[in-house]
C-alpha atoms as a PDB file:
ATOM      1  CA  MET A   1       0.334  -0.286   0.264  1.00  0.00           C
ATOM      2  CA  LYS A   2       1.048   3.792  -0.788  1.00  0.00           C
ATOM      3  CA  ALA A   3       0.256   7.155   0.577  1.00  0.00           C
ATOM      4  CA  ILE A   4      -0.244   9.433  -1.814  1.00  0.00           C
ATOM      5  CA  ARG A   5      -0.049  13.247  -1.230  1.00  0.00           C
ATOM      6  CA  GLY A   6      -1.502  16.204  -2.759  1.00  0.00           C
ATOM      7  CA  ALA A   7      -2.861  19.844  -2.559  1.00  0.00           C
ATOM      8  CA  THR A   8      -4.613  22.662  -4.196  1.00  0.00           C
ATOM      9  CA  THR A   9      -6.386  25.702  -3.177  1.00  0.00           C
ATOM     10  CA  VAL A  10      -9.563  27.659  -3.654  1.00  0.00           C
ATOM     11  CA  GLU A  11     -10.259  31.033  -4.665  1.00  0.00           C
ATOM     12  CA  LYS A  12     -13.147  31.359  -2.358  1.00  0.00           C
ATOM     13  CA  ASP A  13     -14.998  29.511  -0.035  1.00  0.00           C
ATOM     14  CA  GLU A  14     -18.018  28.972  -2.111  1.00  0.00           C
ATOM     15  CA  ALA A  15     -19.334  25.373  -2.663  1.00  0.00           C
ATOM     16  CA  GLU A  16     -18.469  25.207  -6.284  1.00  0.00           C
ATOM     17  CA  ASN A  17     -15.298  26.024  -6.212  1.00  0.00           C
ATOM     18  CA  ILE A  18     -14.187  23.593  -3.524  1.00  0.00           C
ATOM     19  CA  LYS A  19     -16.262  20.818  -5.228  1.00  0.00           C
ATOM     20  CA  GLN A  20     -14.387  21.986  -8.532  1.00  0.00           C
ATOM     21  CA  ARG A  21     -11.231  22.518  -6.861  1.00  0.00           C
ATOM     22  CA  VAL A  22     -11.452  18.773  -5.103  1.00  0.00           C
ATOM     23  CA  LYS A  23     -12.698  17.115  -8.484  1.00  0.00           C
ATOM     24  CA  GLU A  24      -9.337  18.393 -10.309  1.00  0.00           C
ATOM     25  CA  LEU A  25      -6.995  17.142  -7.669  1.00  0.00           C
ATOM     26  CA  LEU A  26      -8.618  13.705  -7.202  1.00  0.00           C
ATOM     27  CA  THR A  27      -9.231  13.063 -10.902  1.00  0.00           C
ATOM     28  CA  GLU A  28      -5.023  14.093 -11.405  1.00  0.00           C
ATOM     29  CA  ILE A  29      -4.083  12.227  -8.655  1.00  0.00           C
ATOM     30  CA  LYS A  30      -5.848   9.229  -9.996  1.00  0.00           C
ATOM     31  CA  ASN A  31      -5.023   9.603 -13.598  1.00  0.00           C
ATOM     32  CA  ALA A  32      -1.142  10.061 -12.420  1.00  0.00           C
ATOM     33  CA  ASN A  33      -1.319   7.197 -10.573  1.00  0.00           C
ATOM     34  CA  ASN A  34      -3.128   4.598 -12.897  1.00  0.00           C
ATOM     35  CA  LEU A  35      -5.729   3.838  -9.614  1.00  0.00           C
ATOM     36  CA  ASN A  36      -9.337   2.754 -10.493  1.00  0.00           C
ATOM     37  CA  GLU A  37     -12.142   1.589  -7.951  1.00  0.00           C
ATOM     38  CA  ASP A  38     -10.381  -1.752  -6.821  1.00  0.00           C
ATOM     39  CA  ASN A  39      -7.061   0.102  -6.079  1.00  0.00           C
ATOM     40  CA  MET A  40      -8.101   3.348  -4.227  1.00  0.00           C
ATOM     41  CA  ILE A  41      -9.134   2.187  -0.740  1.00  0.00           C
ATOM     42  CA  PHE A  42      -9.488   5.552   1.538  1.00  0.00           C
ATOM     43  CA  ILE A  43      -8.687   9.490   0.880  1.00  0.00           C
ATOM     44  CA  LEU A  44      -8.231  11.361   3.751  1.00  0.00           C
ATOM     45  CA  PHE A  45      -8.925  15.504   3.645  1.00  0.00           C
ATOM     46  CA  SER A  46      -7.892  18.422   5.733  1.00  0.00           C
ATOM     47  CA  ASN A  47      -8.374  21.572   5.504  1.00  0.00           C
ATOM     48  CA  THR A  48      -8.059  25.198   6.408  1.00  0.00           C
ATOM     49  CA  ALA A  49      -9.863  26.898   8.668  1.00  0.00           C
ATOM     50  CA  ASP A  50     -10.962  29.515   6.393  1.00  0.00           C
ATOM     51  CA  ILE A  51     -12.857  26.977   4.425  1.00  0.00           C
ATOM     52  CA  ARG A  52     -16.421  26.145   5.971  1.00  0.00           C
ATOM     53  CA  SER A  53     -18.963  26.357   3.299  1.00  0.00           C
ATOM     54  CA  PHE A  54     -18.333  22.279   2.130  1.00  0.00           C
ATOM     55  CA  TYR A  55     -16.596  19.206   3.093  1.00  0.00           C
ATOM     56  CA  PRO A  56     -14.060  18.208   0.709  1.00  0.00           C
ATOM     57  CA  ALA A  57     -15.241  14.398   1.266  1.00  0.00           C
ATOM     58  CA  LYS A  58     -18.714  15.511   0.382  1.00  0.00           C
ATOM     59  CA  ALA A  59     -17.418  17.030  -2.751  1.00  0.00           C
ATOM     60  CA  ALA A  60     -15.209  14.035  -3.595  1.00  0.00           C
ATOM     61  CA  ARG A  61     -18.568  12.194  -3.271  1.00  0.00           C
ATOM     62  CA  GLU A  62     -20.093  13.975  -5.799  1.00  0.00           C
ATOM     63  CA  ALA A  63     -17.521  13.856  -8.357  1.00  0.00           C
ATOM     64  CA  GLY A  64     -18.056  10.233  -8.310  1.00  0.00           C
ATOM     65  CA  PHE A  65     -15.466   8.346  -5.560  1.00  0.00           C
ATOM     66  CA  PHE A  66     -17.603   6.079  -4.421  1.00  0.00           C
ATOM     67  CA  SER A  67     -15.637   2.690  -3.753  1.00  0.00           C
ATOM     68  CA  CYS A  68     -13.635   3.872  -0.880  1.00  0.00           C
ATOM     69  CA  ALA A  69     -13.317   5.355   2.497  1.00  0.00           C
ATOM     70  CA  LEU A  70     -13.449   9.105   3.342  1.00  0.00           C
ATOM     71  CA  TYR A  71     -12.309  11.329   5.951  1.00  0.00           C
ATOM     72  CA  SER A  72     -11.966  15.210   6.283  1.00  0.00           C
ATOM     73  CA  SER A  73     -11.201  17.050   8.841  1.00  0.00           C
ATOM     74  CA  LEU A  74     -10.215  20.699   9.878  1.00  0.00           C
ATOM     75  CA  GLU A  75      -6.592  21.998  10.539  1.00  0.00           C
ATOM     76  CA  PRO A  76      -6.176  24.697  13.633  1.00  0.00           C
ATOM     77  CA  GLU A  77      -5.977  28.207  12.505  1.00  0.00           C
ATOM     78  CA  ILE A  78      -1.825  28.190  12.355  1.00  0.00           C
ATOM     79  CA  GLU A  79      -0.456  31.743  11.843  1.00  0.00           C
ATOM     80  CA  ASN A  80       1.196  32.898   8.256  1.00  0.00           C
ATOM     81  CA  SER A  81       0.206  29.452   6.328  1.00  0.00           C
ATOM     82  CA  LEU A  82      -1.650  28.915   3.440  1.00  0.00           C
ATOM     83  CA  ASN A  83      -5.322  30.123   2.395  1.00  0.00           C
ATOM     84  CA  ARG A  84      -8.279  28.130   1.403  1.00  0.00           C
ATOM     85  CA  CYS A  85      -5.699  25.044   1.519  1.00  0.00           C
ATOM     86  CA  ILE A  86      -7.355  21.272   1.275  1.00  0.00           C
ATOM     87  CA  ARG A  87      -4.816  18.770   1.945  1.00  0.00           C
ATOM     88  CA  VAL A  88      -5.191  15.578   0.386  1.00  0.00           C
ATOM     89  CA  MET A  89      -3.510  11.570   1.137  1.00  0.00           C
ATOM     90  CA  VAL A  90      -4.876   8.203  -0.686  1.00  0.00           C
ATOM     91  CA  LEU A  91      -4.193   4.956   0.429  1.00  0.00           C
ATOM     92  CA  ALA A  92      -3.652   2.778  -2.619  1.00  0.00           C
ATOM     93  CA  ASP A  93      -2.708  -0.804  -3.362  1.00  0.00           C
ATOM     94  CA  ILE A  94      -0.294   0.041  -5.863  1.00  0.00           C
ATOM     95  CA  SER A  95       3.296  -1.282  -6.197  1.00  0.00           C
ATOM     96  CA  THR A  96       4.739   1.840  -8.487  1.00  0.00           C
ATOM     97  CA  GLU A  97       6.395   4.949  -7.129  1.00  0.00           C
ATOM     98  CA  PRO A  98       3.444   7.299  -5.721  1.00  0.00           C
ATOM     99  CA  LYS A  99       3.083  10.479  -7.918  1.00  0.00           C
ATOM    100  CA  HIS A 100       2.187  13.682  -5.595  1.00  0.00           C
ATOM    101  CA  ILE A 101      -0.130  16.024  -7.294  1.00  0.00           C
ATOM    102  CA  TYR A 102       0.023  20.203  -5.766  1.00  0.00           C
ATOM    103  CA  LEU A 103      -2.450  22.778  -7.552  1.00  0.00           C
ATOM    104  CA  HIS A 104      -2.397  26.371  -8.157  1.00  0.00           C
ATOM    105  CA  ASN A 105      -1.131  28.004  -4.824  1.00  0.00           C
ATOM    106  CA  ALA A 106      -0.306  24.936  -3.398  1.00  0.00           C
ATOM    107  CA  ALA A 107       2.223  24.126  -5.707  1.00  0.00           C
ATOM    108  CA  ALA A 108       4.575  26.399  -3.261  1.00  0.00           C
ATOM    109  CA  LEU A 109       4.189  23.718  -0.794  1.00  0.00           C
ATOM    110  CA  ARG A 110       6.194  21.256  -2.443  1.00  0.00           C
ATOM    111  CA  LYS A 111       8.775  22.843  -5.138  1.00  0.00           C
ATOM    112  CA  ASP A 112      10.494  20.085  -5.311  1.00  0.00           C
ATOM    113  CA  LEU A 113       7.696  18.130  -6.924  1.00  0.00           C
ATOM    114  CA  THR A 114       6.093  20.788  -8.728  1.00  0.00           C
ATOM    115  CA  ALA A 115       9.112  23.503  -9.905  1.00  0.00           C
ATOM    116  CA  HIS A 116      11.371  22.838 -13.062  1.00  0.00           C
ATOM    117  CA  ILE A 117      14.156  21.213 -12.278  1.00  0.00           C
ATOM    118  CA  ASN A 118      17.542  19.896 -13.096  1.00  0.00           C
ATOM    119  CA  ILE A 119      19.597  17.988 -11.196  1.00  0.00           C
ATOM    120  CA  ALA A 120      23.297  17.571 -12.670  1.00  0.00           C
ATOM    121  CA  VAL A 121      25.340  15.191 -10.821  1.00  0.00           C
ATOM    122  CA  ASP A 122      28.808  14.013 -12.283  1.00  0.00           C
ATOM    123  CA  GLY A 123      32.133  11.804 -11.102  1.00  0.00           C
ATOM    124  CA  PRO A 124      34.337   9.520 -12.407  1.00  0.00           C
ATOM    125  CA  ALA A 125      32.923   6.182 -13.579  1.00  0.00           C
ATOM    126  CA  GLY A 126      32.050   3.640 -10.191  1.00  0.00           C
ATOM    127  CA  SER A 127      30.823   6.662  -8.547  1.00  0.00           C
ATOM    128  CA  GLY A 128      27.996   5.332  -8.068  1.00  0.00           C
ATOM    129  CA  LYS A 129      26.201   8.207 -10.255  1.00  0.00           C
ATOM    130  CA  SER A 130      23.448   6.532 -12.096  1.00  0.00           C
ATOM    131  CA  THR A 131      22.721   4.140  -9.177  1.00  0.00           C
ATOM    132  CA  VAL A 132      21.929   7.257  -7.065  1.00  0.00           C
ATOM    133  CA  SER A 133      20.760   9.456  -9.757  1.00  0.00           C
ATOM    134  CA  GLU A 134      18.493   7.029 -10.636  1.00  0.00           C
ATOM    135  CA  LEU A 135      16.808   6.559  -6.690  1.00  0.00           C
ATOM    136  CA  ILE A 136      16.398  10.379  -6.492  1.00  0.00           C
ATOM    137  CA  ALA A 137      14.047  10.761  -9.879  1.00  0.00           C
ATOM    138  CA  LYS A 138      11.908   7.679  -8.297  1.00  0.00           C
ATOM    139  CA  ARG A 139      12.313   9.634  -5.160  1.00  0.00           C
ATOM    140  CA  LEU A 140      11.314  12.986  -6.325  1.00  0.00           C
ATOM    141  CA  ASN A 141       8.818  11.714  -9.478  1.00  0.00           C
ATOM    142  CA  ILE A 142      11.337  13.417 -11.904  1.00  0.00           C
ATOM    143  CA  LEU A 143      13.069  11.636 -15.376  1.00  0.00           C
ATOM    144  CA  HIS A 144      16.593  10.486 -14.632  1.00  0.00           C
ATOM    145  CA  LEU A 145      18.397  10.767 -18.117  1.00  0.00           C
ATOM    146  CA  ASP A 146      21.467   8.967 -17.798  1.00  0.00           C
ATOM    147  CA  THR A 147      24.068  10.644 -20.440  1.00  0.00           C
ATOM    148  CA  GLY A 148      26.691   8.075 -21.276  1.00  0.00           C
ATOM    149  CA  ALA A 149      24.192   5.802 -22.367  1.00  0.00           C
ATOM    150  CA  THR A 150      23.833   8.322 -25.567  1.00  0.00           C
ATOM    151  CA  TYR A 151      28.040   7.801 -25.646  1.00  0.00           C
ATOM    152  CA  ARG A 152      27.814   4.595 -25.083  1.00  0.00           C
ATOM    153  CA  ALA A 153      25.279   4.539 -28.429  1.00  0.00           C
ATOM    154  CA  VAL A 154      27.408   6.655 -30.576  1.00  0.00           C
ATOM    155  CA  ALA A 155      30.322   3.375 -30.007  1.00  0.00           C
ATOM    156  CA  LEU A 156      27.953   1.639 -31.166  1.00  0.00           C
ATOM    157  CA  ALA A 157      26.674   3.293 -34.150  1.00  0.00           C
ATOM    158  CA  CYS A 158      30.676   2.986 -35.141  1.00  0.00           C
ATOM    159  CA  LYS A 159      30.620  -0.508 -34.450  1.00  0.00           C
ATOM    160  CA  LYS A 160      27.498  -1.309 -36.697  1.00  0.00           C
ATOM    161  CA  TYR A 161      28.736   0.688 -39.323  1.00  0.00           C
ATOM    162  CA  LYS A 162      32.112  -0.439 -39.285  1.00  0.00           C
ATOM    163  CA  ILE A 163      33.500   3.092 -38.254  1.00  0.00           C
ATOM    164  CA  ASP A 164      36.978   3.163 -36.611  1.00  0.00           C
ATOM    165  CA  PHE A 165      35.953   4.799 -33.530  1.00  0.00           C
ATOM    166  CA  SER A 166      39.642   5.748 -32.382  1.00  0.00           C
ATOM    167  CA  ASP A 167      39.522   8.044 -36.118  1.00  0.00           C
ATOM    168  CA  GLU A 168      38.309  11.320 -35.460  1.00  0.00           C
ATOM    169  CA  HIS A 169      37.564  12.056 -38.459  1.00  0.00           C
ATOM    170  CA  GLN A 170      36.114   9.199 -39.771  1.00  0.00           C
ATOM    171  CA  VAL A 171      33.456   9.560 -36.570  1.00  0.00           C
ATOM    172  CA  ARG A 172      32.978  13.682 -37.802  1.00  0.00           C
ATOM    173  CA  ALA A 173      31.887  12.234 -41.465  1.00  0.00           C
ATOM    174  CA  ASN A 174      29.385   9.865 -40.225  1.00  0.00           C
ATOM    175  CA  ILE A 175      28.104  11.057 -36.892  1.00  0.00           C
ATOM    176  CA  ASP A 176      25.123  13.010 -38.361  1.00  0.00           C
ATOM    177  CA  LYS A 177      23.987   9.848 -40.209  1.00  0.00           C
ATOM    178  CA  PHE A 178      23.140   8.182 -36.122  1.00  0.00           C
ATOM    179  CA  ASN A 179      19.811   8.346 -35.505  1.00  0.00           C
ATOM    180  CA  ILE A 180      19.976   8.442 -32.229  1.00  0.00           C
ATOM    181  CA  GLU A 181      16.763   8.852 -29.348  1.00  0.00           C
ATOM    182  CA  ILE A 182      15.905   8.777 -25.914  1.00  0.00           C
ATOM    183  CA  LYS A 183      12.709   7.592 -25.060  1.00  0.00           C
ATOM    184  CA  TYR A 184      11.021   6.798 -21.565  1.00  0.00           C
ATOM    185  CA  LEU A 185       8.713   3.557 -21.456  1.00  0.00           C
ATOM    186  CA  ASN A 186       7.334   2.951 -17.940  1.00  0.00           C
ATOM    187  CA  ASN A 187       9.398   5.593 -16.448  1.00  0.00           C
ATOM    188  CA  LYS A 188      12.704   3.874 -17.698  1.00  0.00           C
ATOM    189  CA  GLN A 189      15.087   5.131 -20.251  1.00  0.00           C
ATOM    190  CA  SER A 190      15.707   3.280 -23.509  1.00  0.00           C
ATOM    191  CA  THR A 191      18.166   4.179 -25.619  1.00  0.00           C
ATOM    192  CA  MET A 192      17.237   3.824 -29.332  1.00  0.00           C
ATOM    193  CA  LEU A 193      19.842   3.371 -32.223  1.00  0.00           C
ATOM    194  CA  ASP A 194      18.148   3.367 -35.653  1.00  0.00           C
ATOM    195  CA  LYS A 195      14.212   2.808 -33.630  1.00  0.00           C
ATOM    196  CA  ILE A 196      15.786  -0.211 -31.930  1.00  0.00           C
ATOM    197  CA  ASP A 197      16.252  -0.312 -28.232  1.00  0.00           C
ATOM    198  CA  VAL A 198      20.149  -0.871 -27.186  1.00  0.00           C
ATOM    199  CA  SER A 199      20.029  -0.366 -24.348  1.00  0.00           C
ATOM    200  CA  ASP A 200      21.327  -3.330 -23.145  1.00  0.00           C
ATOM    201  CA  MET A 201      23.662  -3.812 -26.059  1.00  0.00           C
ATOM    202  CA  ILE A 202      25.571  -0.752 -24.894  1.00  0.00           C
ATOM    203  CA  ARG A 203      26.210  -2.323 -21.279  1.00  0.00           C
ATOM    204  CA  THR A 204      29.494  -4.102 -22.385  1.00  0.00           C
ATOM    205  CA  PRO A 205      33.174  -3.060 -21.139  1.00  0.00           C
ATOM    206  CA  GLU A 206      33.949  -2.801 -24.845  1.00  0.00           C
ATOM    207  CA  MET A 207      31.268   0.075 -25.289  1.00  0.00           C
ATOM    208  CA  SER A 208      32.331   1.392 -22.164  1.00  0.00           C
ATOM    209  CA  LEU A 209      36.032   1.748 -23.230  1.00  0.00           C
ATOM    210  CA  ALA A 210      34.839   3.137 -26.798  1.00  0.00           C
ATOM    211  CA  ALA A 211      32.547   5.811 -25.309  1.00  0.00           C
ATOM    212  CA  SER A 212      35.172   7.301 -23.424  1.00  0.00           C
ATOM    213  CA  THR A 213      37.311   7.682 -26.886  1.00  0.00           C
ATOM    214  CA  VAL A 214      34.608   9.159 -28.853  1.00  0.00           C
ATOM    215  CA  SER A 215      33.128  11.220 -26.079  1.00  0.00           C
ATOM    216  CA  ALA A 216      35.960  13.427 -26.075  1.00  0.00           C
ATOM    217  CA  TYR A 217      35.492  14.298 -29.629  1.00  0.00           C
ATOM    218  CA  LYS A 218      33.712  18.198 -30.076  1.00  0.00           C
ATOM    219  CA  CYS A 219      31.503  16.718 -33.146  1.00  0.00           C
ATOM    220  CA  VAL A 220      30.216  13.533 -30.584  1.00  0.00           C
ATOM    221  CA  ARG A 221      29.893  16.189 -27.543  1.00  0.00           C
ATOM    222  CA  ASP A 222      28.113  18.739 -29.908  1.00  0.00           C
ATOM    223  CA  LYS A 223      25.458  16.610 -30.994  1.00  0.00           C
ATOM    224  CA  MET A 224      24.671  14.587 -27.460  1.00  0.00           C
ATOM    225  CA  VAL A 225      25.402  18.131 -25.221  1.00  0.00           C
ATOM    226  CA  GLU A 226      22.475  19.310 -27.905  1.00  0.00           C
ATOM    227  CA  LEU A 227      20.260  16.250 -27.042  1.00  0.00           C
ATOM    228  CA  GLN A 228      20.853  16.767 -23.479  1.00  0.00           C
ATOM    229  CA  ARG A 229      19.662  20.120 -23.234  1.00  0.00           C
ATOM    230  CA  LYS A 230      16.481  20.103 -25.332  1.00  0.00           C
ATOM    231  CA  PHE A 231      15.353  17.218 -22.979  1.00  0.00           C
ATOM    232  CA  ALA A 232      16.577  19.132 -19.874  1.00  0.00           C
ATOM    233  CA  SER A 233      14.750  22.423 -20.851  1.00  0.00           C
ATOM    234  CA  SER A 234      10.854  20.524 -21.123  1.00  0.00           C
ATOM    235  CA  ASN A 235      11.176  18.295 -18.344  1.00  0.00           C
ATOM    236  CA  SER A 236      12.539  18.444 -14.779  1.00  0.00           C
ATOM    237  CA  CYS A 237      14.990  15.722 -14.417  1.00  0.00           C
ATOM    238  CA  ILE A 238      18.512  14.741 -12.813  1.00  0.00           C
ATOM    239  CA  LEU A 239      20.907  14.118 -15.700  1.00  0.00           C
ATOM    240  CA  ASP A 240      24.316  12.611 -14.830  1.00  0.00           C
ATOM    241  CA  GLY A 241      27.638  12.002 -16.431  1.00  0.00           C
ATOM    242  CA  ARG A 242      31.380  14.217 -16.508  1.00  0.00           C
ATOM    243  CA  ASP A 243      30.980  17.305 -17.560  1.00  0.00           C
ATOM    244  CA  ILE A 244      26.591  18.352 -17.137  1.00  0.00           C
ATOM    245  CA  GLY A 245      27.383  20.786 -14.040  1.00  0.00           C
ATOM    246  CA  SER A 246      30.471  22.454 -16.134  1.00  0.00           C
ATOM    247  CA  ASN A 247      29.397  22.323 -19.533  1.00  0.00           C
ATOM    248  CA  VAL A 248      25.774  20.174 -20.350  1.00  0.00           C
ATOM    249  CA  LEU A 249      23.852  22.021 -17.923  1.00  0.00           C
ATOM    250  CA  PRO A 250      25.813  24.991 -16.292  1.00  0.00           C
ATOM    251  CA  ASP A 251      22.947  27.138 -15.064  1.00  0.00           C
ATOM    252  CA  ALA A 252      21.155  23.687 -12.901  1.00  0.00           C
ATOM    253  CA  GLN A 253      20.065  24.873 -10.150  1.00  0.00           C
ATOM    254  CA  PHE A 254      21.296  21.604  -8.212  1.00  0.00           C
ATOM    255  CA  LYS A 255      25.026  20.089  -8.892  1.00  0.00           C
ATOM    256  CA  PHE A 256      26.894  17.918  -7.318  1.00  0.00           C
ATOM    257  CA  PHE A 257      30.209  15.524  -7.959  1.00  0.00           C
ATOM    258  CA  LEU A 258      30.282  12.440  -6.540  1.00  0.00           C
ATOM    259  CA  THR A 259      33.824  10.424  -6.305  1.00  0.00           C
ATOM    260  CA  ALA A 260      35.470   7.265  -4.309  1.00  0.00           C
ATOM    261  CA  SER A 261      39.000   5.796  -4.620  1.00  0.00           C
ATOM    262  CA  ALA A 262      39.536   3.737  -8.032  1.00  0.00           C
ATOM    263  CA  GLU A 263      39.710   0.140  -5.824  1.00  0.00           C
ATOM    264  CA  ILE A 264      36.473   1.328  -5.027  1.00  0.00           C
ATOM    265  CA  ARG A 265      34.911   1.707  -7.787  1.00  0.00           C
ATOM    266  CA  SER A 266      36.200  -1.101  -9.536  1.00  0.00           C
ATOM    267  CA  LYS A 267      34.586  -3.630  -6.759  1.00  0.00           C
ATOM    268  CA  ARG A 268      31.070  -1.715  -7.751  1.00  0.00           C
ATOM    269  CA  ARG A 269      31.756  -2.437 -11.736  1.00  0.00           C
ATOM    270  CA  MET A 270      32.897  -6.146 -11.045  1.00  0.00           C
ATOM    271  CA  ALA A 271      29.487  -6.337  -8.834  1.00  0.00           C
ATOM    272  CA  GLU A 272      27.525  -4.384 -11.912  1.00  0.00           C
ATOM    273  CA  ASN A 273      29.478  -6.812 -14.154  1.00  0.00           C
ATOM    274  CA  GLN A 274      28.472 -10.214 -12.964  1.00  0.00           C
ATOM    275  CA  THR A 275      24.643  -9.483 -12.444  1.00  0.00           C
ATOM    276  CA  LYS A 276      25.001  -9.554 -16.324  1.00  0.00           C
ATOM    277  CA  ASN A 277      26.630 -12.227 -16.427  1.00  0.00           C
ATOM    278  CA  ILE A 278      30.244 -10.231 -17.397  1.00  0.00           C
ATOM    279  CA  ASN A 279      33.370 -11.842 -15.483  1.00  0.00           C
ATOM    280  CA  GLN A 280      36.723  -9.905 -15.164  1.00  0.00           C
ATOM    281  CA  PRO A 281      39.262 -10.346 -12.780  1.00  0.00           C
ATOM    282  CA  PHE A 282      40.074  -7.374 -10.305  1.00  0.00           C
ATOM    283  CA  ASP A 283      43.438  -6.046 -11.979  1.00  0.00           C
ATOM    284  CA  ILE A 284      41.188  -6.078 -15.084  1.00  0.00           C
ATOM    285  CA  VAL A 285      38.749  -4.309 -14.272  1.00  0.00           C
ATOM    286  CA  LEU A 286      41.335  -1.603 -12.069  1.00  0.00           C
ATOM    287  CA  ALA A 287      42.831  -0.831 -15.196  1.00  0.00           C
ATOM    288  CA  ASP A 288      40.326  -0.059 -17.110  1.00  0.00           C
ATOM    289  CA  ILE A 289      38.597   2.152 -14.266  1.00  0.00           C
ATOM    290  CA  MET A 290      41.726   3.922 -14.371  1.00  0.00           C
ATOM    291  CA  LEU A 291      42.166   4.510 -17.835  1.00  0.00           C
ATOM    292  CA  ARG A 292      38.583   5.856 -18.239  1.00  0.00           C
ATOM    293  CA  ASP A 293      39.556   8.629 -15.615  1.00  0.00           C
ATOM    294  CA  LYS A 294      42.614   8.779 -17.797  1.00  0.00           C
ATOM    295  CA  GLN A 295      40.689   9.442 -20.457  1.00  0.00           C
ATOM    296  CA  ASP A 296      37.828  11.594 -19.250  1.00  0.00           C
ATOM    297  CA  SER A 297      39.876  14.082 -17.240  1.00  0.00           C
ATOM    298  CA  MET A 298      42.740  14.863 -19.905  1.00  0.00           C
ATOM    299  CA  ARG A 299      40.654  15.132 -23.015  1.00  0.00           C
ATOM    300  CA  LYS A 300      40.418  19.049 -24.640  1.00  0.00           C
ATOM    301  CA  PHE A 301      37.095  19.145 -24.627  1.00  0.00           C
ATOM    302  CA  ALA A 302      34.525  19.312 -21.845  1.00  0.00           C
ATOM    303  CA  PRO A 303      36.860  16.756 -19.683  1.00  0.00           C
ATOM    304  CA  LEU A 304      35.982  15.331 -16.362  1.00  0.00           C
ATOM    305  CA  VAL A 305      35.425  17.785 -13.778  1.00  0.00           C
ATOM    306  CA  CYS A 306      33.785  19.254 -10.563  1.00  0.00           C
ATOM    307  CA  ALA A 307      32.550  22.320 -10.999  1.00  0.00           C
ATOM    308  CA  ASP A 308      32.825  25.290  -9.167  1.00  0.00           C
ATOM    309  CA  ASP A 309      29.401  25.645  -7.526  1.00  0.00           C
ATOM    310  CA  ALA A 310      28.733  21.873  -7.164  1.00  0.00           C
ATOM    311  CA  ILE A 311      28.783  19.884  -4.329  1.00  0.00           C
ATOM    312  CA  LYS A 312      31.507  17.305  -3.878  1.00  0.00           C
ATOM    313  CA  ILE A 313      30.397  13.872  -2.323  1.00  0.00           C
ATOM    314  CA  ASP A 314      32.557  10.879  -1.743  1.00  0.00           C
ATOM    315  CA  THR A 315      30.752   7.941  -1.698  1.00  0.00           C
ATOM    316  CA  SER A 316      33.739   4.952  -1.030  1.00  0.00           C
ATOM    317  CA  ASP A 317      32.137   4.622   2.568  1.00  0.00           C
ATOM    318  CA  MET A 318      28.843   5.194   1.620  1.00  0.00           C
ATOM    319  CA  GLY A 319      25.271   3.345   1.002  1.00  0.00           C
ATOM    320  CA  ILE A 320      23.910   4.321  -2.257  1.00  0.00           C
ATOM    321  CA  ASP A 321      20.548   4.787   0.161  1.00  0.00           C
ATOM    322  CA  GLU A 322      22.982   7.226   2.197  1.00  0.00           C
ATOM    323  CA  VAL A 323      24.475   9.294  -0.837  1.00  0.00           C
ATOM    324  CA  ALA A 324      20.351   9.923  -2.373  1.00  0.00           C
ATOM    325  CA  ASP A 325      19.325  10.865   1.382  1.00  0.00           C
ATOM    326  CA  LYS A 326      21.908  13.316   1.765  1.00  0.00           C
ATOM    327  CA  ILE A 327      21.384  14.562  -1.903  1.00  0.00           C
ATOM    328  CA  LEU A 328      18.117  14.930  -1.391  1.00  0.00           C
ATOM    329  CA  LYS A 329      18.286  16.785   2.335  1.00  0.00           C
ATOM    330  CA  ILE A 330      20.252  19.426   0.417  1.00  0.00           C
ATOM    331  CA  ILE A 331      17.852  19.698  -2.558  1.00  0.00           C
ATOM    332  CA  GLN A 332      14.682  20.023  -0.042  1.00  0.00           C
ATOM    333  CA  GLU A 333      16.154  22.606   1.748  1.00  0.00           C
ATOM    334  CA  LYS A 334      17.209  24.807  -0.614  1.00  0.00           C
ATOM    335  CA  VAL A 335      13.058  24.824  -2.400  1.00  0.00           C
END
């Protein structure tokens, strides 16, 4: 069972306005969370003391929400509280992450959920940035764009079309032919090459090293950064990569740089590879990590770097949940 939160405000303490806003709020919650009569269990309302002309619970009944239990309560008068506000909590039997809805003036109550925000997470290979970013995206109900996947797709395109990825001139001559797209299916990123989902095919050590090479080419970065910026301009999202805060989204509201020792990152990468039936000795993985670090840090164009205004977090002795909790606390303190 999950709790879905929401709130709205009314313009006037009048029955029709209350009915309209309650119906709008519940309908958006229902649609956003794919709710139906079978999985909606309980709806709990509370409203500020300046709403007295009509009970929100009664408005919900009139809006057609008959199948679940309803309860409505009056909040105590609190100085400087939001005027004419109706809050709701819907208990639903769902397994997906709840999508909370805040409408009208109530959007100011949860800017972390309602504002258009971009979060930049940078760091070297194996620092945990993709896993942490995915977790934060779920908790904030925003999208997660794994920018590294776009460069891996370029590497795969080179392999598919028999282009030497180590030859920048060949890559530049063919980059405009690569049809690379990012799509979201069931809130999960899918990387498409020529309309085919290659999300699994790009997750190999071979593509990882090739991606590090092609990502150093200005022609590749220009094309992929254009794709990434376009996506971020129209979506609240978290982007992870190596130059998000310094180059891709220099104006992002929140910037973080995750790091860890090369040995720790190698162990993490080994564990990740093993889940994909990729088994490599530790010394090989460590050598790959160190080579990737060198390539990413020394490339001439948009190298791996911690932006001046980014918050640096050493994740060596931290679990994924700990890192995510720390980042979320910083975000919520600022919004």
